[in-house]
Amino acid sequence: MAADHDLMGGKLHVYKRPNSTVWQCSTYLNGRNWRVSTKEEGLAQAKDVAEDWYLGLKGKVRAGELTGGVSFKHAAKQFELEFEAITQGERSRAMSNN
């Protein structure tokens, strides 16, 4: 049995990761990839959860409620600002570039 299934005309994917008992689902929507665990071990149940999740995302897109979240650029800049506090001075910035 294949561990990857396409739904909704190929716009929704249900798959299992290696060494996992639960199904995951993913889609590309509103300019980015979205992924979530279905938390289901059975394929039929996972497909139902995935379709509900996908349709919920589509509804949020139509309502203008789906945002991209924090960008990597923003997260990296915030990390640089908080570097000293995070490492409690135990790492030098020069060593972190290796």
PDB file of N, CA and C in Angstrom:
ATOM      1  N   MET A   1       0.848  -1.185   0.000  1.00  0.00           N
ATOM      2  CA  MET A   1       0.000   0.000   0.000  1.00  0.00           C
ATOM      3  C   MET A   1       0.892   1.246   0.000  1.00  0.00           C
ATOM      4  N   ALA A   2       0.620   2.163  -0.907  1.00  0.00           N
ATOM      5  CA  ALA A   2       1.387   3.407  -0.980  1.00  0.00           C
ATOM      6  C   ALA A   2       1.082   4.273   0.234  1.00  0.00           C
ATOM      7  N   ALA A   3       2.071   5.020   0.672  1.00  0.00           N
ATOM      8  CA  ALA A   3       1.900   5.872   1.852  1.00  0.00           C
ATOM      9  C   ALA A   3       1.685   7.331   1.458  1.00  0.00           C
ATOM     10  N   ASP A   4       1.164   7.575   0.250  1.00  0.00           N
ATOM     11  CA  ASP A   4       0.928   8.939  -0.217  1.00  0.00           C
ATOM     12  C   ASP A   4      -0.328   8.947  -1.081  1.00  0.00           C
ATOM     13  N   HIS A   5      -1.279   9.811  -0.751  1.00  0.00           N
ATOM     14  CA  HIS A   5      -2.547   9.858  -1.475  1.00  0.00           C
ATOM     15  C   HIS A   5      -2.912  11.306  -1.787  1.00  0.00           C
ATOM     16  N   ASP A   6      -3.400  11.531  -3.003  1.00  0.00           N
ATOM     17  CA  ASP A   6      -3.838  12.860  -3.422  1.00  0.00           C
ATOM     18  C   ASP A   6      -5.352  12.936  -3.329  1.00  0.00           C
ATOM     19  N   LEU A   7      -5.832  14.072  -2.842  1.00  0.00           N
ATOM     20  CA  LEU A   7      -7.264  14.335  -2.723  1.00  0.00           C
ATOM     21  C   LEU A   7      -7.562  15.705  -3.324  1.00  0.00           C
ATOM     22  N   MET A   8      -8.838  16.011  -3.466  1.00  0.00           N
ATOM     23  CA  MET A   8      -9.286  17.327  -3.933  1.00  0.00           C
ATOM     24  C   MET A   8      -8.593  17.704  -5.253  1.00  0.00           C
ATOM     25  N   GLY A   9      -8.575  16.782  -6.181  1.00  0.00           N
ATOM     26  CA  GLY A   9      -7.973  17.048  -7.485  1.00  0.00           C
ATOM     27  C   GLY A   9      -6.476  17.283  -7.436  1.00  0.00           C
ATOM     28  N   GLY A  10      -5.798  16.673  -6.468  1.00  0.00           N
ATOM     29  CA  GLY A  10      -4.348  16.812  -6.348  1.00  0.00           C
ATOM     30  C   GLY A  10      -3.900  18.009  -5.528  1.00  0.00           C
ATOM     31  N   LYS A  11      -4.847  18.759  -4.972  1.00  0.00           N
ATOM     32  CA  LYS A  11      -4.493  19.942  -4.194  1.00  0.00           C
ATOM     33  C   LYS A  11      -4.228  19.630  -2.725  1.00  0.00           C
ATOM     34  N   LEU A  12      -4.597  18.436  -2.301  1.00  0.00           N
ATOM     35  CA  LEU A  12      -4.433  18.019  -0.912  1.00  0.00           C
ATOM     36  C   LEU A  12      -3.720  16.671  -0.907  1.00  0.00           C
ATOM     37  N   HIS A  13      -2.731  16.525  -0.061  1.00  0.00           N
ATOM     38  CA  HIS A  13      -1.949  15.294   0.004  1.00  0.00           C
ATOM     39  C   HIS A  13      -2.020  14.715   1.411  1.00  0.00           C
ATOM     40  N   VAL A  14      -2.250  13.419   1.478  1.00  0.00           N
ATOM     41  CA  VAL A  14      -2.250  12.696   2.748  1.00  0.00           C
ATOM     42  C   VAL A  14      -1.111  11.687   2.653  1.00  0.00           C
ATOM     43  N   TYR A  15      -0.257  11.668   3.657  1.00  0.00           N
ATOM     44  CA  TYR A  15       0.939  10.825   3.591  1.00  0.00           C
ATOM     45  C   TYR A  15       1.374  10.417   4.992  1.00  0.00           C
ATOM     46  N   LYS A  16       2.216   9.399   5.039  1.00  0.00           N
ATOM     47  CA  LYS A  16       2.815   8.977   6.300  1.00  0.00           C
ATOM     48  C   LYS A  16       4.302   9.244   6.238  1.00  0.00           C
ATOM     49  N   ARG A  17       4.823   9.752   7.329  1.00  0.00           N
ATOM     50  CA  ARG A  17       6.263   9.929   7.454  1.00  0.00           C
ATOM     51  C   ARG A  17       6.878   8.601   7.881  1.00  0.00           C
ATOM     52  N   PRO A  18       8.144   8.372   7.557  1.00  0.00           N
ATOM     53  CA  PRO A  18       8.794   7.132   7.998  1.00  0.00           C
ATOM     54  C   PRO A  18       8.713   6.997   9.522  1.00  0.00           C
ATOM     55  N   ASN A  19       8.476   5.814   9.986  1.00  0.00           N
ATOM     56  CA  ASN A  19       8.415   5.492  11.416  1.00  0.00           C
ATOM     57  C   ASN A  19       7.280   6.202  12.155  1.00  0.00           C
ATOM     58  N   SER A  20       6.226   6.588  11.450  1.00  0.00           N
ATOM     59  CA  SER A  20       5.076   7.229  12.080  1.00  0.00           C
ATOM     60  C   SER A  20       3.848   6.350  11.895  1.00  0.00           C
ATOM     61  N   THR A  21       2.987   6.353  12.885  1.00  0.00           N
ATOM     62  CA  THR A  21       1.755   5.573  12.778  1.00  0.00           C
ATOM     63  C   THR A  21       0.576   6.437  12.336  1.00  0.00           C
ATOM     64  N   VAL A  22       0.728   7.758  12.368  1.00  0.00           N
ATOM     65  CA  VAL A  22      -0.377   8.646  12.006  1.00  0.00           C
ATOM     66  C   VAL A  22      -0.131   9.307  10.653  1.00  0.00           C
ATOM     67  N   TRP A  23      -1.224   9.665  10.008  1.00  0.00           N
ATOM     68  CA  TRP A  23      -1.173  10.311   8.700  1.00  0.00           C
ATOM     69  C   TRP A  23      -1.023  11.822   8.851  1.00  0.00           C
ATOM     70  N   GLN A  24      -0.296  12.413   7.923  1.00  0.00           N
ATOM     71  CA  GLN A  24      -0.111  13.859   7.824  1.00  0.00           C
ATOM     72  C   GLN A  24      -0.857  14.333   6.584  1.00  0.00           C
ATOM     73  N   CYS A  25      -1.112  15.627   6.513  1.00  0.00           N
ATOM     74  CA  CYS A  25      -1.683  16.168   5.277  1.00  0.00           C
ATOM     75  C   CYS A  25      -1.018  17.503   4.966  1.00  0.00           C
ATOM     76  N   SER A  26      -1.016  17.844   3.679  1.00  0.00           N
ATOM     77  CA  SER A  26      -0.388  19.093   3.264  1.00  0.00           C
ATOM     78  C   SER A  26      -1.093  19.634   2.031  1.00  0.00           C
ATOM     79  N   THR A  27      -0.952  20.941   1.860  1.00  0.00           N
ATOM     80  CA  THR A  27      -1.483  21.618   0.684  1.00  0.00           C
ATOM     81  C   THR A  27      -0.663  22.875   0.431  1.00  0.00           C
ATOM     82  N   TYR A  28      -0.725  23.367  -0.789  1.00  0.00           N
ATOM     83  CA  TYR A  28      -0.125  24.644  -1.137  1.00  0.00           C
ATOM     84  C   TYR A  28      -1.282  25.594  -1.375  1.00  0.00           C
ATOM     85  N   LEU A  29      -1.357  26.629  -0.557  1.00  0.00           N
ATOM     86  CA  LEU A  29      -2.504  27.523  -0.606  1.00  0.00           C
ATOM     87  C   LEU A  29      -2.089  28.926  -0.202  1.00  0.00           C
ATOM     88  N   ASN A  30      -2.601  29.903  -0.899  1.00  0.00           N
ATOM     89  CA  ASN A  30      -2.346  31.301  -0.556  1.00  0.00           C
ATOM     90  C   ASN A  30      -0.851  31.627  -0.547  1.00  0.00           C
ATOM     91  N   GLY A  31      -0.113  31.017  -1.472  1.00  0.00           N
ATOM     92  CA  GLY A  31       1.301  31.335  -1.637  1.00  0.00           C
ATOM     93  C   GLY A  31       2.266  30.621  -0.718  1.00  0.00           C
ATOM     94  N   ARG A  32       1.798  29.597   0.020  1.00  0.00           N
ATOM     95  CA  ARG A  32       2.730  28.865   0.876  1.00  0.00           C
ATOM     96  C   ARG A  32       2.239  27.457   1.138  1.00  0.00           C
ATOM     97  N   ASN A  33       3.138  26.613   1.637  1.00  0.00           N
ATOM     98  CA  ASN A  33       2.794  25.250   2.015  1.00  0.00           C
ATOM     99  C   ASN A  33       2.218  25.226   3.424  1.00  0.00           C
ATOM    100  N   TRP A  34       1.201  24.394   3.612  1.00  0.00           N
ATOM    101  CA  TRP A  34       0.575  24.196   4.912  1.00  0.00           C
ATOM    102  C   TRP A  34       0.621  22.712   5.219  1.00  0.00           C
ATOM    103  N   ARG A  35       0.966  22.342   6.452  1.00  0.00           N
ATOM    104  CA  ARG A  35       1.034  20.941   6.853  1.00  0.00           C
ATOM    105  C   ARG A  35       0.469  20.783   8.248  1.00  0.00           C
ATOM    106  N   VAL A  36      -0.163  19.629   8.481  1.00  0.00           N
ATOM    107  CA  VAL A  36      -0.686  19.338   9.804  1.00  0.00           C
ATOM    108  C   VAL A  36      -0.840  17.823   9.939  1.00  0.00           C
ATOM    109  N   SER A  37      -0.779  17.346  11.166  1.00  0.00           N
ATOM    110  CA  SER A  37      -1.043  15.945  11.433  1.00  0.00           C
ATOM    111  C   SER A  37      -2.548  15.733  11.507  1.00  0.00           C
ATOM    112  N   THR A  38      -3.018  14.633  10.933  1.00  0.00           N
ATOM    113  CA  THR A  38      -4.425  14.291  11.065  1.00  0.00           C
ATOM    114  C   THR A  38      -4.677  13.631  12.417  1.00  0.00           C
ATOM    115  N   LYS A  39      -3.625  13.148  13.052  1.00  0.00           N
ATOM    116  CA  LYS A  39      -3.692  12.413  14.321  1.00  0.00           C
ATOM    117  C   LYS A  39      -4.501  11.130  14.200  1.00  0.00           C
ATOM    118  N   GLU A  40      -4.619  10.636  12.980  1.00  0.00           N
ATOM    119  CA  GLU A  40      -5.382   9.411  12.714  1.00  0.00           C
ATOM    120  C   GLU A  40      -4.455   8.326  12.188  1.00  0.00           C
ATOM    121  N   GLU A  41      -4.685   7.090  12.614  1.00  0.00           N
ATOM    122  CA  GLU A  41      -3.912   5.954  12.117  1.00  0.00           C
ATOM    123  C   GLU A  41      -4.586   5.301  10.918  1.00  0.00           C
ATOM    124  N   GLY A  42      -5.901   5.394  10.832  1.00  0.00           N
ATOM    125  CA  GLY A  42      -6.635   4.816   9.712  1.00  0.00           C
ATOM    126  C   GLY A  42      -6.697   5.774   8.539  1.00  0.00           C
ATOM    127  N   LEU A  43      -6.514   5.246   7.338  1.00  0.00           N
ATOM    128  CA  LEU A  43      -6.494   6.101   6.149  1.00  0.00           C
ATOM    129  C   LEU A  43      -7.839   6.773   5.897  1.00  0.00           C
ATOM    130  N   ALA A  44      -8.934   6.054   6.022  1.00  0.00           N
ATOM    131  CA  ALA A  44     -10.252   6.647   5.753  1.00  0.00           C
ATOM    132  C   ALA A  44     -10.525   7.821   6.695  1.00  0.00           C
ATOM    133  N   GLN A  45     -10.219   7.644   7.977  1.00  0.00           N
ATOM    134  CA  GLN A  45     -10.421   8.721   8.945  1.00  0.00           C
ATOM    135  C   GLN A  45      -9.479   9.894   8.653  1.00  0.00           C
ATOM    136  N   ALA A  46      -8.247   9.579   8.289  1.00  0.00           N
ATOM    137  CA  ALA A  46      -7.262  10.629   7.976  1.00  0.00           C
ATOM    138  C   ALA A  46      -7.717  11.455   6.777  1.00  0.00           C
ATOM    139  N   LYS A  47      -8.266  10.786   5.775  1.00  0.00           N
ATOM    140  CA  LYS A  47      -8.758  11.512   4.600  1.00  0.00           C
ATOM    141  C   LYS A  47      -9.895  12.456   4.986  1.00  0.00           C
ATOM    142  N   ASP A  48     -10.803  11.995   5.851  1.00  0.00           N
ATOM    143  CA  ASP A  48     -11.904  12.853   6.297  1.00  0.00           C
ATOM    144  C   ASP A  48     -11.384  14.080   7.035  1.00  0.00           C
ATOM    145  N   VAL A  49     -10.432  13.872   7.953  1.00  0.00           N
ATOM    146  CA  VAL A  49      -9.845  14.977   8.719  1.00  0.00           C
ATOM    147  C   VAL A  49      -9.134  15.939   7.772  1.00  0.00           C
ATOM    148  N   ALA A  50      -8.374  15.389   6.822  1.00  0.00           N
ATOM    149  CA  ALA A  50      -7.620  16.216   5.878  1.00  0.00           C
ATOM    150  C   ALA A  50      -8.554  17.070   5.019  1.00  0.00           C
ATOM    151  N   GLU A  51      -9.629  16.476   4.531  1.00  0.00           N
ATOM    152  CA  GLU A  51     -10.571  17.235   3.711  1.00  0.00           C
ATOM    153  C   GLU A  51     -11.237  18.351   4.512  1.00  0.00           C
ATOM    154  N   ASP A  52     -11.625  18.064   5.751  1.00  0.00           N
ATOM    155  CA  ASP A  52     -12.217  19.105   6.607  1.00  0.00           C
ATOM    156  C   ASP A  52     -11.226  20.238   6.841  1.00  0.00           C
ATOM    157  N   TRP A  53      -9.977  19.887   7.114  1.00  0.00           N
ATOM    158  CA  TRP A  53      -8.920  20.878   7.350  1.00  0.00           C
ATOM    159  C   TRP A  53      -8.722  21.747   6.097  1.00  0.00           C
ATOM    160  N   TYR A  54      -8.651  21.093   4.944  1.00  0.00           N
ATOM    161  CA  TYR A  54      -8.441  21.808   3.692  1.00  0.00           C
ATOM    162  C   TYR A  54      -9.596  22.766   3.398  1.00  0.00           C
ATOM    163  N   LEU A  55     -10.806  22.283   3.556  1.00  0.00           N
ATOM    164  CA  LEU A  55     -11.972  23.142   3.292  1.00  0.00           C
ATOM    165  C   LEU A  55     -12.031  24.304   4.279  1.00  0.00           C
ATOM    166  N   GLY A  56     -11.595  24.077   5.516  1.00  0.00           N
ATOM    167  CA  GLY A  56     -11.510  25.164   6.490  1.00  0.00           C
ATOM    168  C   GLY A  56     -10.505  26.222   6.065  1.00  0.00           C
ATOM    169  N   LEU A  57      -9.350  25.764   5.556  1.00  0.00           N
ATOM    170  CA  LEU A  57      -8.348  26.718   5.055  1.00  0.00           C
ATOM    171  C   LEU A  57      -8.886  27.509   3.872  1.00  0.00           C
ATOM    172  N   LYS A  58      -9.562  26.815   2.951  1.00  0.00           N
ATOM    173  CA  LYS A  58     -10.136  27.497   1.784  1.00  0.00           C
ATOM    174  C   LYS A  58     -11.139  28.564   2.225  1.00  0.00           C
ATOM    175  N   GLY A  59     -11.945  28.252   3.233  1.00  0.00           N
ATOM    176  CA  GLY A  59     -12.895  29.230   3.761  1.00  0.00           C
ATOM    177  C   GLY A  59     -12.196  30.442   4.348  1.00  0.00           C
ATOM    178  N   LYS A  60     -11.083  30.209   5.030  1.00  0.00           N
ATOM    179  CA  LYS A  60     -10.321  31.322   5.604  1.00  0.00           C
ATOM    180  C   LYS A  60      -9.708  32.189   4.508  1.00  0.00           C
ATOM    181  N   VAL A  61      -9.282  31.564   3.402  1.00  0.00           N
ATOM    182  CA  VAL A  61      -8.741  32.337   2.279  1.00  0.00           C
ATOM    183  C   VAL A  61      -9.818  33.260   1.728  1.00  0.00           C
ATOM    184  N   ARG A  62     -11.013  32.715   1.501  1.00  0.00           N
ATOM    185  CA  ARG A  62     -12.114  33.517   0.969  1.00  0.00           C
ATOM    186  C   ARG A  62     -12.491  34.665   1.891  1.00  0.00           C
ATOM    187  N   ALA A  63     -12.395  34.423   3.208  1.00  0.00           N
ATOM    188  CA  ALA A  63     -12.766  35.457   4.183  1.00  0.00           C
ATOM    189  C   ALA A  63     -11.613  36.426   4.464  1.00  0.00           C
ATOM    190  N   GLY A  64     -10.438  36.173   3.856  1.00  0.00           N
ATOM    191  CA  GLY A  64      -9.279  37.029   4.083  1.00  0.00           C
ATOM    192  C   GLY A  64      -8.653  36.834   5.450  1.00  0.00           C
ATOM    193  N   GLU A  65      -8.899  35.683   6.061  1.00  0.00           N
ATOM    194  CA  GLU A  65      -8.398  35.412   7.406  1.00  0.00           C
ATOM    195  C   GLU A  65      -7.121  34.599   7.439  1.00  0.00           C
ATOM    196  N   LEU A  66      -6.675  34.090   6.297  1.00  0.00           N
ATOM    197  CA  LEU A  66      -5.501  33.223   6.273  1.00  0.00           C
ATOM    198  C   LEU A  66      -4.256  34.053   6.017  1.00  0.00           C
ATOM    199  N   THR A  67      -3.406  34.137   7.024  1.00  0.00           N
ATOM    200  CA  THR A  67      -2.171  34.895   6.882  1.00  0.00           C
ATOM    201  C   THR A  67      -1.000  33.931   6.843  1.00  0.00           C
ATOM    202  N   GLY A  68       0.112  34.413   6.359  1.00  0.00           N
ATOM    203  CA  GLY A  68       1.294  33.580   6.202  1.00  0.00           C
ATOM    204  C   GLY A  68       2.070  33.341   7.476  1.00  0.00           C
ATOM    205  N   GLY A  69       1.730  34.007   8.553  1.00  0.00           N
ATOM    206  CA  GLY A  69       2.484  33.818   9.786  1.00  0.00           C
ATOM    207  C   GLY A  69       3.780  34.603   9.766  1.00  0.00           C
ATOM    208  N   VAL A  70       4.680  34.246  10.642  1.00  0.00           N
ATOM    209  CA  VAL A  70       5.958  34.937  10.780  1.00  0.00           C
ATOM    210  C   VAL A  70       6.912  34.449   9.695  1.00  0.00           C
ATOM    211  N   SER A  71       7.557  35.376   9.004  1.00  0.00           N
ATOM    212  CA  SER A  71       8.503  35.000   7.962  1.00  0.00           C
ATOM    213  C   SER A  71       9.823  34.562   8.588  1.00  0.00           C
ATOM    214  N   PHE A  72      10.590  33.790   7.827  1.00  0.00           N
ATOM    215  CA  PHE A  72      11.906  33.371   8.297  1.00  0.00           C
ATOM    216  C   PHE A  72      12.788  34.588   8.540  1.00  0.00           C
ATOM    217  N   LYS A  73      12.708  35.566   7.661  1.00  0.00           N
ATOM    218  CA  LYS A  73      13.513  36.780   7.795  1.00  0.00           C
ATOM    219  C   LYS A  73      13.229  37.465   9.136  1.00  0.00           C
ATOM    220  N   HIS A  74      11.951  37.576   9.490  1.00  0.00           N
ATOM    221  CA  HIS A  74      11.580  38.194  10.759  1.00  0.00           C
ATOM    222  C   HIS A  74      12.085  37.362  11.944  1.00  0.00           C
ATOM    223  N   ALA A  75      11.916  36.045  11.871  1.00  0.00           N
ATOM    224  CA  ALA A  75      12.355  35.167  12.961  1.00  0.00           C
ATOM    225  C   ALA A  75      13.868  35.231  13.139  1.00  0.00           C
ATOM    226  N   ALA A  76      14.609  35.271  12.036  1.00  0.00           N
ATOM    227  CA  ALA A  76      16.075  35.350  12.108  1.00  0.00           C
ATOM    228  C   ALA A  76      16.518  36.671  12.722  1.00  0.00           C
ATOM    229  N   LYS A  77      15.871  37.752  12.350  1.00  0.00           N
ATOM    230  CA  LYS A  77      16.214  39.056  12.909  1.00  0.00           C
ATOM    231  C   LYS A  77      15.941  39.078  14.412  1.00  0.00           C
ATOM    232  N   GLN A  78      14.804  38.503  14.828  1.00  0.00           N
ATOM    233  CA  GLN A  78      14.471  38.434  16.250  1.00  0.00           C
ATOM    234  C   GLN A  78      15.479  37.573  17.005  1.00  0.00           C
ATOM    235  N   PHE A  79      15.915  36.473  16.400  1.00  0.00           N
ATOM    236  CA  PHE A  79      16.915  35.609  17.024  1.00  0.00           C
ATOM    237  C   PHE A  79      18.216  36.387  17.246  1.00  0.00           C
ATOM    238  N   GLU A  80      18.635  37.142  16.247  1.00  0.00           N
ATOM    239  CA  GLU A  80      19.857  37.928  16.400  1.00  0.00           C
ATOM    240  C   GLU A  80      19.731  38.924  17.550  1.00  0.00           C
ATOM    241  N   LEU A  81      18.562  39.529  17.693  1.00  0.00           N
ATOM    242  CA  LEU A  81      18.345  40.485  18.783  1.00  0.00           C
ATOM    243  C   LEU A  81      18.402  39.806  20.148  1.00  0.00           C
ATOM    244  N   GLU A  82      17.958  38.558  20.221  1.00  0.00           N
ATOM    245  CA  GLU A  82      17.873  37.849  21.494  1.00  0.00           C
ATOM    246  C   GLU A  82      19.015  36.865  21.727  1.00  0.00           C
ATOM    247  N   PHE A  83      20.013  36.838  20.847  1.00  0.00           N
ATOM    248  CA  PHE A  83      21.096  35.860  20.896  1.00  0.00           C
ATOM    249  C   PHE A  83      21.790  35.804  22.257  1.00  0.00           C
ATOM    250  N   GLU A  84      22.182  36.942  22.792  1.00  0.00           N
ATOM    251  CA  GLU A  84      22.900  36.968  24.071  1.00  0.00           C
ATOM    252  C   GLU A  84      22.075  36.372  25.199  1.00  0.00           C
ATOM    253  N   ALA A  85      20.806  36.747  25.275  1.00  0.00           N
ATOM    254  CA  ALA A  85      19.947  36.234  26.342  1.00  0.00           C
ATOM    255  C   ALA A  85      19.701  34.735  26.180  1.00  0.00           C
ATOM    256  N   ILE A  86      19.521  34.289  24.951  1.00  0.00           N
ATOM    257  CA  ILE A  86      19.253  32.871  24.693  1.00  0.00           C
ATOM    258  C   ILE A  86      20.449  32.009  25.093  1.00  0.00           C
ATOM    259  N   THR A  87      21.636  32.443  24.754  1.00  0.00           N
ATOM    260  CA  THR A  87      22.835  31.650  25.024  1.00  0.00           C
ATOM    261  C   THR A  87      23.458  31.971  26.373  1.00  0.00           C
ATOM    262  N   GLN A  88      22.917  32.929  27.070  1.00  0.00           N
ATOM    263  CA  GLN A  88      23.417  33.364  28.378  1.00  0.00           C
ATOM    264  C   GLN A  88      24.919  33.644  28.337  1.00  0.00           C
ATOM    265  N   GLY A  89      25.363  34.205  27.214  1.00  0.00           N
ATOM    266  CA  GLY A  89      26.758  34.589  27.062  1.00  0.00           C
ATOM    267  C   GLY A  89      27.724  33.427  26.927  1.00  0.00           C
ATOM    268  N   GLU A  90      27.227  32.207  26.769  1.00  0.00           N
ATOM    269  CA  GLU A  90      28.099  31.027  26.699  1.00  0.00           C
ATOM    270  C   GLU A  90      28.595  30.733  25.294  1.00  0.00           C
ATOM    271  N   ARG A  91      28.154  31.452  24.324  1.00  0.00           N
ATOM    272  CA  ARG A  91      28.631  31.266  22.949  1.00  0.00           C
ATOM    273  C   ARG A  91      28.973  32.632  22.366  1.00  0.00           C
ATOM    274  N   SER A  92      30.026  32.647  21.588  1.00  0.00           N
ATOM    275  CA  SER A  92      30.374  33.909  20.940  1.00  0.00           C
ATOM    276  C   SER A  92      29.723  33.932  19.556  1.00  0.00           C
ATOM    277  N   ARG A  93      29.441  35.113  19.085  1.00  0.00           N
ATOM    278  CA  ARG A  93      28.829  35.232  17.749  1.00  0.00           C
ATOM    279  C   ARG A  93      29.761  34.650  16.677  1.00  0.00           C
ATOM    280  N   ALA A  94      31.072  34.792  16.847  1.00  0.00           N
ATOM    281  CA  ALA A  94      32.027  34.261  15.868  1.00  0.00           C
ATOM    282  C   ALA A  94      31.949  32.740  15.806  1.00  0.00           C
ATOM    283  N   MET A  95      31.767  32.073  16.941  1.00  0.00           N
ATOM    284  CA  MET A  95      31.692  30.614  16.975  1.00  0.00           C
ATOM    285  C   MET A  95      30.380  30.114  16.381  1.00  0.00           C
ATOM    286  N   SER A  96      29.344  30.902  16.456  1.00  0.00           N
ATOM    287  CA  SER A  96      28.028  30.452  15.966  1.00  0.00           C
ATOM    288  C   SER A  96      27.960  30.399  14.443  1.00  0.00           C
ATOM    289  N   ASN A  97      28.912  31.016  13.760  1.00  0.00           N
ATOM    290  CA  ASN A  97      28.909  31.009  12.300  1.00  0.00           C
ATOM    291  C   ASN A  97      29.569  29.772  11.727  1.00  0.00           C
ATOM    292  N   ASN A  98      30.118  28.916  12.547  1.00  0.00           N
ATOM    293  CA  ASN A  98      30.787  27.695  12.049  1.00  0.00           C
ATOM    294  C   ASN A  98      29.811  26.592  11.826  1.00  0.00           C
TER     295      ASN A  98
END
